[in-house]
Amino acid sequence: MAGQDSELRDFEDVIESLLTKQDGEGLSHLFNSVPLNDALRELLRLTPDERDDVLSLLPPRAGGQTDR
């Protein structure tokens, strides 16, 4: 369990760093590197302002395609 807490903290630190740099491409790579449910869980852990910042920085999907 301690390893999981450390991984979550690392993920949060990376998000914070990428937000500071306004690095949408980096955020996209980060969120695409984990399963969708984990990415959503991490997104929901952010404050509403951080969440808005992340979503505004993420590039739109090519061609408007979704995974549905």
Protein backbone atom coordinates (compact mmCIF):
# COMPACT_ATOMS: atom_id res chain seq x y z
CA MET A 1 0.00 0.00 0.00
CA ALA A 2 2.87 2.39 0.74
CA GLY A 3 4.17 1.82 -2.79
CA GLN A 4 0.80 2.83 -4.19
CA ASP A 5 0.78 6.04 -2.14
CA SER A 6 4.25 6.85 -3.44
CA GLU A 7 3.17 6.24 -7.04
CA LEU A 8 0.13 8.49 -6.58
CA ARG A 9 2.30 11.24 -5.12
CA ASP A 10 4.75 10.90 -8.03
CA PHE A 11 1.87 11.12 -10.53
CA GLU A 12 0.51 14.22 -8.76
CA ASP A 13 3.98 15.80 -8.74
CA VAL A 14 4.37 15.18 -12.47
CA ILE A 15 0.95 16.70 -13.17
CA GLU A 16 1.83 19.74 -11.06
CA SER A 17 5.13 20.17 -12.89
CA LEU A 18 3.50 19.85 -16.32
CA LEU A 19 0.78 22.33 -15.32
CA THR A 20 3.42 24.81 -14.20
CA LYS A 21 5.13 24.48 -17.59
CA GLN A 22 1.76 24.62 -19.42
CA ASP A 23 2.87 21.41 -21.18
CA GLY A 24 -0.26 20.00 -22.82
CA GLU A 25 1.70 17.46 -24.84
CA GLY A 26 3.40 16.16 -21.69
CA LEU A 27 0.03 15.91 -19.92
CA SER A 28 -1.37 14.04 -22.88
CA HIS A 29 1.50 11.54 -22.83
CA LEU A 30 1.18 11.14 -19.06
CA PHE A 31 -2.56 10.45 -19.12
CA ASN A 32 -2.21 8.16 -22.16
CA SER A 33 0.46 6.15 -20.32
CA VAL A 34 -2.03 4.79 -17.78
CA PRO A 35 -5.33 2.93 -18.18
CA LEU A 36 -8.34 5.21 -18.73
CA ASN A 37 -9.86 4.43 -15.32
CA ASP A 38 -6.60 5.38 -13.57
CA ALA A 39 -6.30 8.58 -15.62
CA LEU A 40 -9.86 9.54 -14.69
CA ARG A 41 -9.23 8.75 -11.03
CA GLU A 42 -6.14 10.97 -11.03
CA LEU A 43 -8.00 13.75 -12.80
CA LEU A 44 -10.76 13.64 -10.19
CA ARG A 45 -8.21 13.94 -7.36
CA LEU A 46 -7.20 17.39 -8.63
CA THR A 47 -8.78 20.60 -7.42
CA PRO A 48 -11.47 21.98 -9.75
CA ASP A 49 -9.07 24.71 -10.94
CA GLU A 50 -6.28 22.20 -11.62
CA ARG A 51 -8.74 19.95 -13.43
CA ASP A 52 -9.88 22.84 -15.62
CA ASP A 53 -6.25 23.71 -16.39
CA VAL A 54 -5.42 20.13 -17.34
CA LEU A 55 -8.47 19.81 -19.57
CA SER A 56 -7.76 23.11 -21.29
CA LEU A 57 -4.17 22.06 -22.02
CA LEU A 58 -4.92 18.58 -23.36
CA PRO A 59 -5.01 18.56 -27.16
CA PRO A 60 -8.23 17.41 -28.82
CA ARG A 61 -8.23 13.88 -30.18
CA ALA A 62 -7.37 13.63 -33.86
CA GLY A 63 -10.48 13.61 -36.01
CA GLY A 64 -12.75 13.88 -32.98
CA GLN A 65 -12.61 10.10 -32.53
CA THR A 66 -13.67 8.59 -29.22
CA ASP A 67 -13.18 5.15 -27.71
CA ARG A 68 -16.91 4.45 -27.56
